[in-house]
Amino acid sequence: MKRFLGSTGALATLVGLLVLSAGVPTWAEDGVTDKEVLIGAGLDLTGAVANWGVNIKAGMEAVFNRVNDMGGVHGRKIKLIAYDHVYQPPKAVTNAKRLVERDKVFVMMGHLGTPTTKAIKDYLEEKQVPNIFPATVASIWTTSGKWHIGDLATYVDQTWLIVDHLVKERKIKKIASFYQDDEYGLDGHQGGKSRLKQYDLAYVAEVDYKRADIDFSSQAAKLKESGAEAVILQAVYREPPRLAEQCHAIGYYPQFIGPSPIVVEKTIELGGKHVEGMIGVEAYPLPTDPGPFLDRYRADMKKYFPILALDTTNLYGYQKAALFVEALQRTGRNLTRDSLLKSIESIKDWDPGWGLKYSYGGDNRRGMSRAARLVIVRDGKWTKITEWIELQEGGRR
């Protein structure tokens, strides 16, 4: 009899648990609850490109803070968990495993750096964790399949624009490449080589450097010896000012020009007079440009990060977060990794309010926007010199 009562009690307990669980939402995906979605990011917060990492994080959080203050997206607040990888691939892998296996993030978003993001590519694919809008526009993210989605014109696309400008507009044929010796620098470097070949041209010098380098005197000498009239800078923001200064010290004044990573205030701050006249590619508007989206960006940054100066770096993070929020809104309450990816696929000609449109490009072209324009350092400020252009789709051939 006792055994019968015990079984009845166990059965009653089981039924009670089933009834209770029926009223509690259960989510098959890590990082999603009824009230929250967890986003992971690996950023350089203290290393060589910390200016990028700190500002990207702030830009993303400015959007998330505003959205959370308004109640979240479909009742869910967005929480960003970011760890410092100091721009080192091994540390990026350690952080990714921590985010996915311990913190159980829903997606990786805004992960900074081409070499550092490439280092976690296979791991994220194995775990089937989407790599959404990484803070790198290497062409690899446009052809890597389901789990990786880029958001802006690639380094190859941008370098094609640079080569076209130098050859067609400026009639320059002696062009050299100064590039970071990793997946980031090689992406634009090889893209430029393929574009020059279409003009029956080749680099007159190919000069590389390592991420930790700070002395570019030997590179400056090689560039001067090559007779290059223009030097394409496949670099971030620390190296161009120092290279320009060391070139000027030996009486060498080529046209310096590079893709979007050099178009930050830090380049001007570090370079001063040596970067005057430097040209860059801009893949999204300047922080000072007009428009409702930029008005909201400026207001959010002032409210949530008043001590940070407005800069293309925090605007870069801000636009990523705004695009992600748009995808969440389209997804609705049934939030899974697959439903999010399908929502991103639905984005066609979406303009957040700054005049540039985003469209998902399919499995072979996952960049959301290929718009770009050229800007120049004039009187210590980045100033536009062309209107927006829809770039050709380049490739590392």
Protein backbone atom coordinates (compact mmCIF):
# COMPACT_ATOMS: atom_id res chain seq x y z
CA MET A 1 0.00 0.00 0.00
CA LYS A 2 2.79 2.35 0.82
CA ARG A 3 4.40 1.55 -2.52
CA PHE A 4 1.13 2.36 -4.27
CA LEU A 5 0.78 5.67 -2.43
CA GLY A 6 4.40 6.49 -3.19
CA SER A 7 3.83 5.87 -6.87
CA THR A 8 0.68 7.98 -6.81
CA GLY A 9 2.59 10.79 -5.12
CA ALA A 10 5.35 10.60 -7.71
CA LEU A 11 2.78 10.63 -10.49
CA ALA A 12 1.03 13.65 -8.98
CA THR A 13 4.35 15.47 -8.68
CA LEU A 14 5.19 14.70 -12.31
CA VAL A 15 1.78 15.93 -13.50
CA GLY A 16 2.20 19.09 -11.46
CA LEU A 17 5.59 19.78 -13.02
CA LEU A 18 4.18 19.26 -16.49
CA VAL A 19 1.33 21.68 -15.80
CA LEU A 20 3.74 24.30 -14.47
CA SER A 21 6.15 23.92 -17.35
CA ALA A 22 3.31 24.34 -19.85
CA GLY A 23 2.95 27.94 -18.70
CA VAL A 24 6.66 28.74 -18.88
CA PRO A 25 8.20 29.47 -22.30
CA THR A 26 11.03 27.11 -23.20
CA TRP A 27 13.60 28.13 -25.80
CA ALA A 28 15.59 25.63 -27.82
CA GLU A 29 18.34 28.17 -28.46
CA ASP A 30 21.10 29.25 -26.11
CA GLY A 31 21.05 32.92 -25.20
CA VAL A 32 17.28 33.43 -25.56
CA THR A 33 14.76 33.66 -22.75
CA ASP A 34 11.31 35.17 -22.57
CA LYS A 35 12.82 38.48 -21.46
CA GLU A 36 16.39 38.61 -22.76
CA VAL A 37 18.70 37.83 -25.68
CA LEU A 38 22.47 37.53 -25.12
CA ILE A 39 24.91 38.82 -27.73
CA GLY A 40 28.62 37.99 -27.66
CA ALA A 41 31.57 39.97 -29.00
CA GLY A 42 35.33 39.68 -28.99
CA LEU A 43 36.90 43.16 -29.11
CA ASP A 44 40.28 44.76 -28.65
CA LEU A 45 39.72 46.85 -25.53
CA THR A 46 43.31 47.37 -24.38
CA GLY A 47 45.60 46.40 -27.28
CA ALA A 48 46.86 47.75 -30.58
CA VAL A 49 43.46 48.81 -31.94
CA ALA A 50 41.67 49.48 -28.67
CA ASN A 51 40.29 52.73 -30.05
CA TRP A 52 38.24 50.58 -32.42
CA GLY A 53 37.12 48.09 -29.78
CA VAL A 54 36.10 50.57 -27.11
CA ASN A 55 34.14 52.68 -29.57
CA ILE A 56 32.44 49.81 -31.41
CA LYS A 57 31.27 48.45 -28.07
CA ALA A 58 29.94 51.87 -27.04
CA GLY A 59 28.14 52.35 -30.36
CA MET A 60 26.41 49.00 -30.10
CA GLU A 61 25.47 49.56 -26.46
CA ALA A 62 24.06 53.02 -27.23
CA VAL A 63 21.47 51.38 -29.49
CA PHE A 64 20.79 48.51 -27.10
CA ASN A 65 20.43 50.85 -24.11
CA ARG A 66 17.86 52.98 -25.92
CA VAL A 67 15.94 49.92 -27.11
CA ASN A 68 16.05 48.36 -23.63
CA ASP A 69 14.83 51.58 -22.02
CA MET A 70 11.81 51.35 -24.33
CA GLY A 71 11.07 47.78 -23.26
CA GLY A 72 13.27 45.80 -25.63
CA VAL A 73 12.35 44.07 -28.88
CA HIS A 74 9.16 41.99 -28.61
CA GLY A 75 9.56 42.15 -24.85
CA ARG A 76 13.19 41.00 -24.82
CA LYS A 77 16.04 43.21 -23.67
CA ILE A 78 19.38 42.88 -25.40
CA LYS A 79 22.49 42.16 -23.33
CA LEU A 80 25.97 42.45 -24.85
CA ILE A 81 28.81 40.42 -23.32
CA ALA A 82 32.18 41.54 -24.67
CA TYR A 83 35.65 40.24 -23.86
CA ASP A 84 39.05 41.71 -24.68
CA HIS A 85 41.09 39.73 -27.23
CA VAL A 86 43.78 42.45 -27.53
CA TYR A 87 43.77 41.85 -31.31
CA GLN A 88 45.37 38.42 -30.88
CA PRO A 89 43.84 35.37 -32.64
CA PRO A 90 44.61 32.82 -29.86
CA LYS A 91 42.92 35.04 -27.28
CA ALA A 92 39.96 35.49 -29.65
CA VAL A 93 39.49 31.71 -29.76
CA THR A 94 39.61 31.44 -25.95
CA ASN A 95 37.05 34.23 -25.62
CA ALA A 96 34.74 32.71 -28.25
CA LYS A 97 34.67 29.39 -26.41
CA ARG A 98 33.92 31.20 -23.19
CA LEU A 99 31.07 33.15 -24.79
CA VAL A 100 29.52 30.13 -26.48
CA GLU A 101 30.08 27.37 -23.90
CA ARG A 102 29.89 29.23 -20.61
CA ASP A 103 27.86 32.37 -21.30
CA LYS A 104 25.63 30.61 -23.86
CA VAL A 105 25.31 33.59 -26.21
CA PHE A 106 22.71 33.56 -28.98
CA VAL A 107 24.95 35.05 -31.68
CA MET A 108 28.35 36.64 -32.10
CA MET A 109 28.03 40.20 -33.33
CA GLY A 110 30.52 42.97 -34.07
CA HIS A 111 33.51 40.68 -33.46
CA LEU A 112 36.54 42.87 -34.19
CA GLY A 113 39.38 42.18 -36.60
CA THR A 114 39.93 40.05 -39.68
CA PRO A 115 42.65 37.74 -38.28
CA THR A 116 40.86 37.41 -34.95
CA THR A 117 37.47 36.71 -36.52
CA LYS A 118 38.95 34.26 -39.02
CA ALA A 119 40.48 32.41 -36.06
CA ILE A 120 37.00 31.64 -34.65
CA LYS A 121 35.31 30.96 -38.00
CA ASP A 122 35.49 27.15 -37.94
CA TYR A 123 34.57 26.99 -34.27
CA LEU A 124 31.40 29.06 -34.75
CA GLU A 125 30.42 26.93 -37.72
CA GLU A 126 30.91 23.76 -35.69
CA LYS A 127 28.73 25.15 -32.90
CA GLN A 128 26.28 26.65 -35.44
CA VAL A 129 26.47 30.09 -33.84
CA PRO A 130 25.84 32.93 -36.34
CA ASN A 131 28.64 35.44 -36.86
CA ILE A 132 26.52 38.55 -37.46
CA PHE A 133 28.01 41.76 -38.91
CA PRO A 134 31.61 41.29 -37.72
CA ALA A 135 33.79 44.38 -37.42
CA THR A 136 35.76 43.35 -40.48
CA VAL A 137 34.75 43.67 -44.10
CA ALA A 138 37.13 41.08 -45.50
CA SER A 139 35.71 39.41 -48.59
CA ILE A 140 35.76 36.03 -46.81
CA TRP A 141 32.53 36.92 -45.00
CA THR A 142 30.62 37.34 -48.25
CA THR A 143 31.26 33.77 -49.39
CA SER A 144 31.44 31.76 -46.17
CA GLY A 145 27.94 30.36 -46.21
CA LYS A 146 25.09 30.32 -43.76
CA TRP A 147 26.72 31.29 -40.48
CA HIS A 148 28.55 34.50 -41.51
CA ILE A 149 26.92 37.75 -42.61
CA GLY A 150 28.86 40.91 -43.48
CA ASP A 151 27.32 44.36 -43.50
CA LEU A 152 29.45 46.71 -45.64
CA ALA A 153 31.53 46.94 -48.81
CA THR A 154 34.53 44.61 -48.60
CA TYR A 155 38.20 45.60 -48.57
CA VAL A 156 38.47 44.18 -52.08
CA ASP A 157 35.51 46.24 -53.31
CA GLN A 158 36.99 49.34 -51.68
CA THR A 159 40.45 48.71 -53.13
CA TRP A 160 38.96 48.39 -56.61
CA LEU A 161 37.49 51.85 -56.09
CA ILE A 162 40.91 53.11 -54.98
CA VAL A 163 42.69 51.67 -58.02
CA ASP A 164 40.04 53.04 -60.38
CA HIS A 165 40.39 56.48 -58.81
CA LEU A 166 44.17 56.49 -59.05
CA VAL A 167 44.39 55.14 -62.59
CA LYS A 168 41.35 56.69 -64.27
CA GLU A 169 40.92 59.96 -62.40
CA ARG A 170 44.47 60.82 -61.36
CA LYS A 171 46.30 59.07 -64.22
CA ILE A 172 48.70 57.48 -61.75
CA LYS A 173 50.35 54.24 -62.88
CA LYS A 174 53.14 53.80 -60.37
CA ILE A 175 51.22 52.38 -57.42
CA ALA A 176 52.64 50.54 -54.40
CA SER A 177 50.98 48.51 -51.65
CA PHE A 178 51.75 48.79 -47.94
CA TYR A 179 49.85 46.00 -46.20
CA GLN A 180 49.43 44.20 -42.90
CA ASP A 181 50.75 40.67 -43.30
CA ASP A 182 47.63 38.75 -42.34
CA GLU A 183 44.17 38.02 -43.70
CA TYR A 184 43.12 41.66 -43.30
CA GLY A 185 45.97 43.24 -45.22
CA LEU A 186 46.19 40.48 -47.81
CA ASP A 187 42.50 40.78 -48.68
CA GLY A 188 42.76 44.30 -50.05
CA HIS A 189 46.34 43.80 -51.26
CA GLN A 190 45.43 40.83 -53.46
CA GLY A 191 42.23 42.56 -54.58
CA GLY A 192 44.23 45.57 -55.70
CA LYS A 193 46.65 43.35 -57.57
CA SER A 194 43.78 41.76 -59.52
CA ARG A 195 42.31 45.18 -60.36
CA LEU A 196 45.65 46.57 -61.52
CA LYS A 197 46.04 43.55 -63.77
CA GLN A 198 42.85 44.58 -65.58
CA TYR A 199 44.64 47.84 -66.46
CA ASP A 200 47.76 45.92 -67.55
CA LEU A 201 49.53 47.26 -64.47
CA ALA A 202 51.19 45.81 -61.39
CA TYR A 203 52.39 47.14 -58.05
CA VAL A 204 55.79 48.79 -58.36
CA ALA A 205 56.42 47.71 -54.75
CA GLU A 206 54.73 45.34 -52.31
CA VAL A 207 55.77 46.18 -48.76
CA ASP A 208 54.33 44.37 -45.75
CA TYR A 209 54.51 44.78 -41.98
CA LYS A 210 53.53 42.78 -38.89
CA ARG A 211 50.74 43.80 -36.52
CA ALA A 212 53.16 44.69 -33.72
CA ASP A 213 55.51 46.79 -35.87
CA ILE A 214 56.07 50.44 -34.98
CA ASP A 215 59.16 51.29 -37.07
CA PHE A 216 58.53 51.61 -40.81
CA SER A 217 61.78 53.27 -41.86
CA SER A 218 62.83 50.32 -44.04
CA GLN A 219 59.41 50.20 -45.68
CA ALA A 220 59.57 53.95 -46.33
CA ALA A 221 62.96 53.53 -48.01
CA LYS A 222 61.71 50.72 -50.24
CA LEU A 223 58.66 52.71 -51.26
CA LYS A 224 60.74 55.74 -52.12
CA GLU A 225 63.17 53.62 -54.12
CA SER A 226 60.26 52.15 -56.12
CA GLY A 227 59.25 55.58 -57.37
CA ALA A 228 55.61 54.95 -56.45
CA GLU A 229 53.44 58.00 -56.92
CA ALA A 230 50.69 56.53 -54.74
CA VAL A 231 50.77 54.08 -51.84
CA ILE A 232 47.68 52.05 -50.98
CA LEU A 233 47.47 51.59 -47.21
CA GLN A 234 46.02 48.21 -46.24
CA ALA A 235 46.43 49.18 -42.60
CA VAL A 236 44.39 50.31 -39.60
CA TYR A 237 44.90 53.70 -37.95
CA ARG A 238 48.25 53.48 -36.14
CA GLU A 239 50.48 52.63 -39.08
CA PRO A 240 49.56 55.22 -41.77
CA PRO A 241 50.54 58.28 -39.68
CA ARG A 242 53.88 56.75 -38.71
CA LEU A 243 54.63 55.59 -42.26
CA ALA A 244 53.75 59.02 -43.64
CA GLU A 245 55.98 60.72 -41.09
CA GLN A 246 58.92 58.43 -41.90
CA CYS A 247 58.40 58.89 -45.65
CA HIS A 248 58.34 62.66 -45.24
CA ALA A 249 61.51 62.50 -43.16
CA ILE A 250 63.39 61.17 -46.21
CA GLY A 251 61.79 63.62 -48.63
CA TYR A 252 59.21 61.25 -50.08
CA TYR A 253 55.67 62.57 -50.57
CA PRO A 254 53.44 60.06 -52.43
CA GLN A 255 49.65 60.10 -52.43
CA PHE A 256 48.60 57.96 -49.47
CA ILE A 257 45.21 56.31 -49.86
CA GLY A 258 43.48 53.43 -48.09
CA PRO A 259 40.23 51.60 -47.29
CA SER A 260 37.76 52.42 -44.52
CA PRO A 261 39.80 51.31 -41.46
CA ILE A 262 42.02 54.40 -41.84
CA VAL A 263 39.04 56.80 -41.90
CA VAL A 264 38.93 57.52 -38.17
CA GLU A 265 39.75 60.58 -36.10
CA LYS A 266 42.63 58.70 -34.48
CA THR A 267 44.51 58.70 -37.82
CA ILE A 268 44.42 62.50 -37.85
CA GLU A 269 45.19 62.77 -34.14
CA LEU A 270 48.30 60.59 -34.50
CA GLY A 271 49.46 61.99 -37.83
CA GLY A 272 48.82 65.72 -37.69
CA LYS A 273 50.34 67.51 -40.69
CA HIS A 274 51.74 64.25 -42.06
CA VAL A 275 48.29 62.90 -42.95
CA GLU A 276 47.01 66.10 -44.53
CA GLY A 277 45.85 65.14 -48.03
CA MET A 278 45.53 61.44 -47.18
CA ILE A 279 42.55 59.84 -48.95
CA GLY A 280 40.31 57.11 -47.58
CA VAL A 281 37.23 55.12 -48.49
CA GLU A 282 34.15 55.69 -46.40
CA ALA A 283 31.56 52.91 -46.28
CA TYR A 284 28.99 54.83 -44.22
CA PRO A 285 28.36 58.53 -43.47
CA LEU A 286 30.50 60.74 -41.29
CA PRO A 287 29.27 61.29 -37.71
CA THR A 288 28.63 64.95 -38.56
CA ASP A 289 26.47 64.29 -41.64
CA PRO A 290 22.77 65.29 -41.56
CA GLY A 291 19.86 62.87 -41.41
CA PRO A 292 17.39 61.39 -38.88
CA PHE A 293 19.44 58.25 -38.25
CA LEU A 294 22.52 60.32 -37.47
CA ASP A 295 20.51 62.70 -35.31
CA ARG A 296 19.41 59.72 -33.22
CA TYR A 297 22.99 58.39 -33.11
CA ARG A 298 24.28 61.72 -31.82
CA ALA A 299 21.52 61.93 -29.22
CA ASP A 300 22.09 58.36 -28.01
CA MET A 301 25.86 58.79 -27.75
CA LYS A 302 25.41 62.02 -25.80
CA LYS A 303 22.95 60.34 -23.43
CA TYR A 304 24.69 57.03 -22.81
CA PHE A 305 28.39 57.80 -23.49
CA PRO A 306 28.79 61.56 -22.98
CA ILE A 307 32.56 61.42 -22.47
CA LEU A 308 33.23 59.69 -25.80
CA ALA A 309 33.79 61.89 -28.84
CA LEU A 310 31.65 61.19 -31.88
CA ASP A 311 33.73 59.14 -34.28
CA THR A 312 33.37 56.82 -37.25
CA THR A 313 34.35 53.96 -34.94
CA ASN A 314 31.39 54.27 -32.56
CA LEU A 315 29.11 55.02 -35.51
CA TYR A 316 30.37 51.74 -37.03
CA GLY A 317 29.15 49.85 -33.95
CA TYR A 318 25.94 51.86 -33.83
CA GLN A 319 24.92 50.97 -37.40
CA LYS A 320 25.60 47.27 -36.73
CA ALA A 321 23.35 47.30 -33.67
CA ALA A 322 20.60 49.18 -35.54
CA LEU A 323 20.69 46.60 -38.33
CA PHE A 324 20.54 43.79 -35.78
CA VAL A 325 17.55 45.38 -34.03
CA GLU A 326 15.76 45.61 -37.39
CA ALA A 327 16.35 41.89 -37.89
CA LEU A 328 15.03 41.12 -34.39
CA GLN A 329 11.91 43.16 -35.03
CA ARG A 330 11.22 41.25 -38.24
CA THR A 331 11.74 37.91 -36.46
CA GLY A 332 8.96 38.36 -33.92
CA ARG A 333 8.59 36.37 -30.73
CA ASN A 334 9.69 33.07 -32.23
CA LEU A 335 13.40 33.87 -31.96
CA THR A 336 15.77 31.13 -33.06
CA ARG A 337 19.03 31.28 -34.94
CA ASP A 338 17.32 30.03 -38.08
CA SER A 339 14.42 32.49 -37.77
CA LEU A 340 16.88 35.36 -37.27
CA LEU A 341 18.85 34.39 -40.38
CA LYS A 342 15.62 34.21 -42.38
CA SER A 343 14.68 37.68 -41.16
CA ILE A 344 18.03 39.02 -42.33
CA GLU A 345 17.37 37.41 -45.71
CA SER A 346 14.13 39.41 -45.88
CA ILE A 347 15.93 42.77 -45.68
CA LYS A 348 15.69 44.46 -49.08
CA ASP A 349 16.42 48.12 -49.78
CA TRP A 350 16.13 49.01 -46.09
CA ASP A 351 17.20 52.55 -45.26
CA PRO A 352 17.57 53.25 -41.52
CA GLY A 353 17.36 56.97 -42.22
CA TRP A 354 20.76 58.01 -43.50
CA GLY A 355 20.30 57.60 -47.24
CA LEU A 356 22.13 54.29 -47.73
CA LYS A 357 20.17 51.11 -48.36
CA TYR A 358 20.84 47.63 -47.04
CA SER A 359 19.85 44.46 -48.89
CA TYR A 360 20.73 40.90 -48.05
CA GLY A 361 22.68 39.46 -50.96
CA GLY A 362 22.21 35.69 -50.74
CA ASP A 363 24.66 32.87 -50.07
CA ASN A 364 27.26 34.09 -52.55
CA ARG A 365 27.10 37.73 -51.54
CA ARG A 366 26.17 38.27 -47.93
CA GLY A 367 27.25 41.90 -47.69
CA MET A 368 24.31 44.14 -46.82
CA SER A 369 25.60 47.35 -48.45
CA ARG A 370 28.20 48.04 -51.13
CA ALA A 371 27.97 51.84 -51.07
CA ALA A 372 31.14 53.89 -50.56
CA ARG A 373 32.65 57.29 -51.26
CA LEU A 374 36.08 58.87 -51.12
CA VAL A 375 37.09 61.32 -48.39
CA ILE A 376 40.26 63.33 -47.82
CA VAL A 377 41.99 64.90 -44.81
CA ARG A 378 41.58 68.61 -45.40
CA ASP A 379 42.46 71.16 -42.69
CA GLY A 380 42.60 68.36 -40.13
CA LYS A 381 39.18 66.88 -40.94
CA TRP A 382 37.87 64.04 -43.07
CA THR A 383 35.99 65.71 -45.92
CA LYS A 384 34.09 64.02 -48.75
CA ILE A 385 35.43 64.38 -52.30
CA THR A 386 32.96 62.12 -54.13
CA GLU A 387 29.30 61.23 -53.79
CA TRP A 388 28.12 57.74 -52.87
CA ILE A 389 28.97 55.02 -55.38
CA GLU A 390 27.58 51.49 -55.63
CA LEU A 391 30.79 49.49 -55.83
CA GLN A 392 31.51 46.67 -58.21
CA GLU A 393 31.80 43.27 -56.63
CA GLY A 394 35.50 42.52 -56.41
CA GLY A 395 37.22 39.27 -55.68
CA ARG A 396 40.65 37.94 -54.81
CA ARG A 397 41.47 36.43 -58.15
